[in-house]
Amino acid sequence: MTLKIALATDNGIEFAAKHFGEANKYYIFEIDNNKAEYIKSIKNSSVKERMHADPAKAKSIVKILKGESVIAAVNIEFGPNIKRVKKHLVPVVIKEKNLDKALKQLIENYDILIESWKKGKKREALYI
């Protein structure tokens, strides 16, 4: 079974050094327990925040990613909307800044990603 994940980035090399929802684009990958395959890059076309932790922003991000069949959102930083996002996606907070190195870590944690996804709305953020 493969999982679709979204990596938040501004430059395609490193994770965005800001909240997940503020990244310029998302790199979509399919991963399994052996490999990661790049699918495509999508522009972050979510609504603008009217206030910090705007629920409309979280809803917009989730809609974009669910439209791509993404089940996990990955970045080095999330804002308060993580509590809304985790009801629909697995938020993964990763320490590694380089996308290629992070993909290796995500593959190594594939089983944990699956377990978290299966928890549904009761899932918590993963810290890798």
C-alpha atoms as a PDB file:
ATOM      1  CA  MET A   1       0.000   0.000   0.000  1.00  0.00           C
ATOM      2  CA  THR A   2       1.286   3.455  -0.852  1.00  0.00           C
ATOM      3  CA  LEU A   3       0.510   6.687   0.972  1.00  0.00           C
ATOM      4  CA  LYS A   4       0.373  10.151  -0.516  1.00  0.00           C
ATOM      5  CA  ILE A   5       2.147  12.782   1.524  1.00  0.00           C
ATOM      6  CA  ALA A   6       2.580  16.537   1.068  1.00  0.00           C
ATOM      7  CA  LEU A   7       5.875  18.223   1.913  1.00  0.00           C
ATOM      8  CA  ALA A   8       5.696  21.993   2.520  1.00  0.00           C
ATOM      9  CA  THR A   9       8.431  23.887   0.663  1.00  0.00           C
ATOM     10  CA  ASP A  10       9.298  27.217  -0.871  1.00  0.00           C
ATOM     11  CA  ASN A  11      12.369  26.134  -2.843  1.00  0.00           C
ATOM     12  CA  GLY A  12      11.958  22.383  -3.495  1.00  0.00           C
ATOM     13  CA  ILE A  13      15.102  21.560  -1.493  1.00  0.00           C
ATOM     14  CA  GLU A  14      14.189  22.309   2.107  1.00  0.00           C
ATOM     15  CA  PHE A  15      11.020  22.465   4.126  1.00  0.00           C
ATOM     16  CA  ALA A  16       9.370  25.855   4.477  1.00  0.00           C
ATOM     17  CA  ALA A  17      10.720  27.695   7.519  1.00  0.00           C
ATOM     18  CA  LYS A  18       7.216  28.777   8.500  1.00  0.00           C
ATOM     19  CA  HIS A  19       3.878  27.163   9.314  1.00  0.00           C
ATOM     20  CA  PHE A  20       2.748  24.380   6.969  1.00  0.00           C
ATOM     21  CA  GLY A  21      -0.174  26.444   5.660  1.00  0.00           C
ATOM     22  CA  GLU A  22       2.101  29.350   4.722  1.00  0.00           C
ATOM     23  CA  ALA A  23       4.385  27.393   2.360  1.00  0.00           C
ATOM     24  CA  ASN A  24       4.411  28.512  -1.271  1.00  0.00           C
ATOM     25  CA  LYS A  25       3.909  24.974  -2.577  1.00  0.00           C
ATOM     26  CA  TYR A  26       3.554  21.355  -1.658  1.00  0.00           C
ATOM     27  CA  TYR A  27       5.537  18.495  -3.152  1.00  0.00           C
ATOM     28  CA  ILE A  28       3.342  15.420  -3.381  1.00  0.00           C
ATOM     29  CA  PHE A  29       5.004  12.004  -3.010  1.00  0.00           C
ATOM     30  CA  GLU A  30       3.759   8.443  -2.837  1.00  0.00           C
ATOM     31  CA  ILE A  31       5.659   6.412  -0.277  1.00  0.00           C
ATOM     32  CA  ASP A  32       5.703   2.844   0.921  1.00  0.00           C
ATOM     33  CA  ASN A  33       8.093   1.074   3.257  1.00  0.00           C
ATOM     34  CA  ASN A  34      10.826   0.919   0.569  1.00  0.00           C
ATOM     35  CA  LYS A  35      10.726   4.049  -1.578  1.00  0.00           C
ATOM     36  CA  ALA A  36       9.315   7.482  -2.277  1.00  0.00           C
ATOM     37  CA  GLU A  37       8.096   8.548  -5.704  1.00  0.00           C
ATOM     38  CA  TYR A  38       7.632  12.200  -6.631  1.00  0.00           C
ATOM     39  CA  ILE A  39       4.170  12.802  -8.100  1.00  0.00           C
ATOM     40  CA  LYS A  40       3.942  16.566  -8.584  1.00  0.00           C
ATOM     41  CA  SER A  41       4.196  20.024  -7.096  1.00  0.00           C
ATOM     42  CA  ILE A  42       1.075  22.029  -6.339  1.00  0.00           C
ATOM     43  CA  LYS A  43       0.819  25.717  -5.544  1.00  0.00           C
ATOM     44  CA  ASN A  44      -0.589  26.671  -2.166  1.00  0.00           C
ATOM     45  CA  SER A  45      -3.777  28.342  -3.340  1.00  0.00           C
ATOM     46  CA  SER A  46      -5.445  28.376   0.069  1.00  0.00           C
ATOM     47  CA  VAL A  47      -7.422  31.336   1.317  1.00  0.00           C
ATOM     48  CA  LYS A  48      -5.611  34.173   3.060  1.00  0.00           C
ATOM     49  CA  GLU A  49      -5.801  34.170   6.827  1.00  0.00           C
ATOM     50  CA  ARG A  50      -8.105  36.806   8.267  1.00  0.00           C
ATOM     51  CA  MET A  51      -6.707  36.154  11.740  1.00  0.00           C
ATOM     52  CA  HIS A  52      -4.103  33.917  13.334  1.00  0.00           C
ATOM     53  CA  ALA A  53      -5.287  30.272  13.366  1.00  0.00           C
ATOM     54  CA  ASP A  54      -8.142  31.081  10.968  1.00  0.00           C
ATOM     55  CA  PRO A  55     -10.407  27.997  10.680  1.00  0.00           C
ATOM     56  CA  ALA A  56     -11.150  28.913   7.039  1.00  0.00           C
ATOM     57  CA  LYS A  57      -7.421  28.627   6.279  1.00  0.00           C
ATOM     58  CA  ALA A  58      -7.241  25.124   7.789  1.00  0.00           C
ATOM     59  CA  LYS A  59     -10.349  24.049   5.883  1.00  0.00           C
ATOM     60  CA  SER A  60      -8.893  25.394   2.646  1.00  0.00           C
ATOM     61  CA  ILE A  61      -5.564  23.578   3.104  1.00  0.00           C
ATOM     62  CA  VAL A  62      -7.319  20.307   3.937  1.00  0.00           C
ATOM     63  CA  LYS A  63      -9.562  20.633   0.872  1.00  0.00           C
ATOM     64  CA  ILE A  64      -6.578  21.185  -1.435  1.00  0.00           C
ATOM     65  CA  LEU A  65      -4.663  18.209  -0.066  1.00  0.00           C
ATOM     66  CA  LYS A  66      -7.643  15.853   0.158  1.00  0.00           C
ATOM     67  CA  GLY A  67      -8.298  16.693  -3.516  1.00  0.00           C
ATOM     68  CA  GLU A  68      -4.868  15.169  -4.202  1.00  0.00           C
ATOM     69  CA  SER A  69      -5.643  12.119  -1.987  1.00  0.00           C
ATOM     70  CA  VAL A  70      -2.951  13.186   0.502  1.00  0.00           C
ATOM     71  CA  ILE A  71      -3.116  11.580   3.948  1.00  0.00           C
ATOM     72  CA  ALA A  72      -0.113  13.246   5.646  1.00  0.00           C
ATOM     73  CA  ALA A  73       1.128  16.845   5.806  1.00  0.00           C
ATOM     74  CA  VAL A  74       4.839  17.212   6.582  1.00  0.00           C
ATOM     75  CA  ASN A  75       6.839  20.252   7.662  1.00  0.00           C
ATOM     76  CA  ILE A  76       9.252  21.456  10.340  1.00  0.00           C
ATOM     77  CA  GLU A  77       6.595  23.758  11.787  1.00  0.00           C
ATOM     78  CA  PHE A  78       2.817  23.888  12.189  1.00  0.00           C
ATOM     79  CA  GLY A  79       0.678  26.597  13.707  1.00  0.00           C
ATOM     80  CA  PRO A  80      -2.352  26.329  15.999  1.00  0.00           C
ATOM     81  CA  ASN A  81      -4.461  24.989  13.113  1.00  0.00           C
ATOM     82  CA  ILE A  82      -2.734  21.649  13.593  1.00  0.00           C
ATOM     83  CA  LYS A  83      -5.648  20.750  15.882  1.00  0.00           C
ATOM     84  CA  ARG A  84      -8.019  21.134  12.924  1.00  0.00           C
ATOM     85  CA  VAL A  85      -5.757  19.541  10.330  1.00  0.00           C
ATOM     86  CA  LYS A  86      -5.188  16.360  12.380  1.00  0.00           C
ATOM     87  CA  LYS A  87      -8.881  15.495  12.079  1.00  0.00           C
ATOM     88  CA  HIS A  88      -8.375  15.012   8.324  1.00  0.00           C
ATOM     89  CA  LEU A  89      -4.653  14.400   7.762  1.00  0.00           C
ATOM     90  CA  VAL A  90      -1.693  13.087   9.713  1.00  0.00           C
ATOM     91  CA  PRO A  91       0.402  16.144  10.616  1.00  0.00           C
ATOM     92  CA  VAL A  92       4.072  15.193  10.703  1.00  0.00           C
ATOM     93  CA  VAL A  93       6.491  17.557  12.402  1.00  0.00           C
ATOM     94  CA  ILE A  94       9.970  16.651  11.205  1.00  0.00           C
ATOM     95  CA  LYS A  95      13.324  17.930  12.450  1.00  0.00           C
ATOM     96  CA  GLU A  96      15.225  17.278   9.206  1.00  0.00           C
ATOM     97  CA  LYS A  97      15.166  20.356   6.965  1.00  0.00           C
ATOM     98  CA  ASN A  98      16.314  18.678   3.713  1.00  0.00           C
ATOM     99  CA  LEU A  99      13.449  17.093   1.744  1.00  0.00           C
ATOM    100  CA  ASP A 100      15.491  14.139   0.399  1.00  0.00           C
ATOM    101  CA  LYS A 101      16.813  13.198   3.833  1.00  0.00           C
ATOM    102  CA  ALA A 102      13.355  13.644   5.347  1.00  0.00           C
ATOM    103  CA  LEU A 103      11.843  11.291   2.772  1.00  0.00           C
ATOM    104  CA  LYS A 104      14.193   8.560   3.983  1.00  0.00           C
ATOM    105  CA  GLN A 105      13.000   9.149   7.544  1.00  0.00           C
ATOM    106  CA  LEU A 106       9.373   9.062   6.434  1.00  0.00           C
ATOM    107  CA  ILE A 107       9.942   5.727   4.670  1.00  0.00           C
ATOM    108  CA  GLU A 108      11.543   4.371   7.859  1.00  0.00           C
ATOM    109  CA  ASN A 109       8.431   5.492   9.781  1.00  0.00           C
ATOM    110  CA  TYR A 110       5.931   4.209   7.197  1.00  0.00           C
ATOM    111  CA  ASP A 111       4.259   1.785   9.630  1.00  0.00           C
ATOM    112  CA  ILE A 112       3.793   4.552  12.199  1.00  0.00           C
ATOM    113  CA  LEU A 113       2.212   6.765   9.525  1.00  0.00           C
ATOM    114  CA  ILE A 114      -0.246   3.989   8.651  1.00  0.00           C
ATOM    115  CA  GLU A 115      -1.114   3.431  12.318  1.00  0.00           C
ATOM    116  CA  SER A 116      -1.724   7.134  12.848  1.00  0.00           C
ATOM    117  CA  TRP A 117      -3.888   7.417   9.717  1.00  0.00           C
ATOM    118  CA  LYS A 118      -6.072   4.538  10.901  1.00  0.00           C
ATOM    119  CA  LYS A 119      -6.868   6.355  14.172  1.00  0.00           C
ATOM    120  CA  GLY A 120      -9.104   8.748  12.245  1.00  0.00           C
ATOM    121  CA  LYS A 121     -10.177  11.927  14.001  1.00  0.00           C
ATOM    122  CA  LYS A 122      -8.483  10.747  17.214  1.00  0.00           C
ATOM    123  CA  ARG A 123      -5.014  10.872  15.635  1.00  0.00           C
ATOM    124  CA  GLU A 124      -2.289  13.081  17.027  1.00  0.00           C
ATOM    125  CA  ALA A 125       0.620  14.779  15.291  1.00  0.00           C
ATOM    126  CA  LEU A 126       3.702  12.662  14.687  1.00  0.00           C
ATOM    127  CA  TYR A 127       7.106  14.004  15.654  1.00  0.00           C
ATOM    128  CA  ILE A 128      10.003  12.565  13.668  1.00  0.00           C
END
